[in-house]
Amino acid sequence: MKILYIEDEKEINEWLRAELTKAHYEVYAFKSYHEFKEHHSEEITFDLAILDVMLPGLDGFSIARRLKKEQTDLPIIMLTARSQLEDK
């Protein structure tokens, strides 16, 4: 299973990437959408995307909309540190 993971917090990025890799997932981890587009091969399709909501440049919601245009059946999990009721 190929997982796209975009998270700008270094410690969280490294921890989740390591845990997913230990669980035998193929993880493509990036710190921003810009970095993803810069290094991503269009030939690779993903089975799942995990996106941080608050990212530099494009936020996770904007990235999710772009990914869905390219791969409509892609499941997406959103991660956030936001704690306000309206954010949940």
Protein backbone atom coordinates (compact mmCIF):
# COMPACT_ATOMS: atom_id res chain seq x y z
CA MET A 1 0.00 0.00 0.00
CA LYS A 2 1.39 3.39 -1.05
CA ILE A 3 0.69 6.28 1.31
CA LEU A 4 1.17 9.97 0.55
CA TYR A 5 1.93 11.82 3.78
CA ILE A 6 2.30 15.60 4.00
CA GLU A 7 3.23 17.06 7.40
CA ASP A 8 5.46 20.08 8.04
CA GLU A 9 6.34 19.35 11.68
CA LYS A 10 9.64 17.45 11.47
CA GLU A 11 9.20 15.29 14.59
CA ILE A 12 5.64 14.26 13.74
CA ASN A 13 6.61 13.61 10.12
CA GLU A 14 9.53 11.38 11.08
CA TRP A 15 7.59 9.52 13.78
CA LEU A 16 4.53 8.67 11.68
CA ARG A 17 6.64 7.83 8.64
CA ALA A 18 8.72 5.41 10.75
CA GLU A 19 5.63 3.78 12.27
CA LEU A 20 3.94 3.32 8.90
CA THR A 21 7.14 1.94 7.40
CA LYS A 22 7.45 -0.52 10.31
CA ALA A 23 3.92 -1.65 9.48
CA HIS A 24 5.17 -2.41 5.93
CA TYR A 25 3.52 0.53 4.15
CA GLU A 26 5.35 2.34 1.36
CA VAL A 27 5.37 5.94 2.59
CA TYR A 28 6.05 9.02 0.46
CA ALA A 29 6.52 11.79 3.02
CA PHE A 30 6.77 15.49 2.25
CA LYS A 31 6.76 18.74 4.24
CA SER A 32 4.59 20.75 1.82
CA TYR A 33 2.55 20.48 -1.37
CA HIS A 34 5.32 22.33 -3.20
CA GLU A 35 7.89 19.73 -2.11
CA PHE A 36 5.49 16.93 -3.11
CA LYS A 37 4.95 18.34 -6.61
CA GLU A 38 8.68 18.98 -7.00
CA HIS A 39 9.67 15.38 -6.20
CA HIS A 40 6.60 13.30 -7.11
CA SER A 41 6.51 11.12 -10.19
CA GLU A 42 3.13 11.23 -11.94
CA GLU A 43 3.45 7.49 -12.55
CA ILE A 44 2.86 6.72 -8.87
CA THR A 45 -0.72 6.50 -7.63
CA PHE A 46 -1.51 6.34 -3.95
CA ASP A 47 -3.82 4.10 -1.96
CA LEU A 48 -4.21 6.65 0.85
CA ALA A 49 -3.27 10.26 1.62
CA ILE A 50 -2.63 11.58 5.12
CA LEU A 51 -2.57 15.38 5.23
CA ASP A 52 -1.92 17.91 7.96
CA VAL A 53 -4.55 20.64 7.94
CA MET A 54 -2.18 23.51 8.73
CA LEU A 55 0.68 23.52 6.21
CA PRO A 56 2.88 26.23 4.73
CA GLY A 57 1.62 27.41 1.35
CA LEU A 58 -1.48 25.38 0.55
CA ASP A 59 -3.42 24.05 3.53
CA GLY A 60 -4.47 20.41 3.79
CA PHE A 61 -8.03 21.08 2.58
CA SER A 62 -6.77 22.75 -0.61
CA ILE A 63 -4.35 19.90 -1.22
CA ALA A 64 -7.14 17.36 -0.68
CA ARG A 65 -9.28 19.07 -3.34
CA ARG A 66 -6.38 18.98 -5.82
CA LEU A 67 -5.63 15.33 -5.10
CA LYS A 68 -9.30 14.37 -5.56
CA LYS A 69 -9.30 16.01 -9.00
CA GLU A 70 -6.40 13.76 -10.02
CA GLN A 71 -7.55 10.58 -8.25
CA THR A 72 -11.25 10.73 -7.32
CA ASP A 73 -11.28 7.46 -5.36
CA LEU A 74 -8.32 8.38 -3.12
CA PRO A 75 -9.16 8.06 0.60
CA ILE A 76 -7.82 11.01 2.62
CA ILE A 77 -7.21 11.28 6.36
CA MET A 78 -6.84 14.80 7.73
CA LEU A 79 -4.64 15.43 10.80
CA THR A 80 -4.91 18.57 12.88
CA ALA A 81 -3.84 20.07 16.17
CA ARG A 82 -6.86 22.38 16.05
CA SER A 83 -9.11 21.94 19.05
CA GLN A 84 -11.97 24.37 18.45
CA LEU A 85 -15.39 22.75 18.08
CA GLU A 86 -15.99 24.34 14.64
CA ASP A 87 -12.68 22.90 13.39
CA LYS A 88 -13.65 19.39 14.44
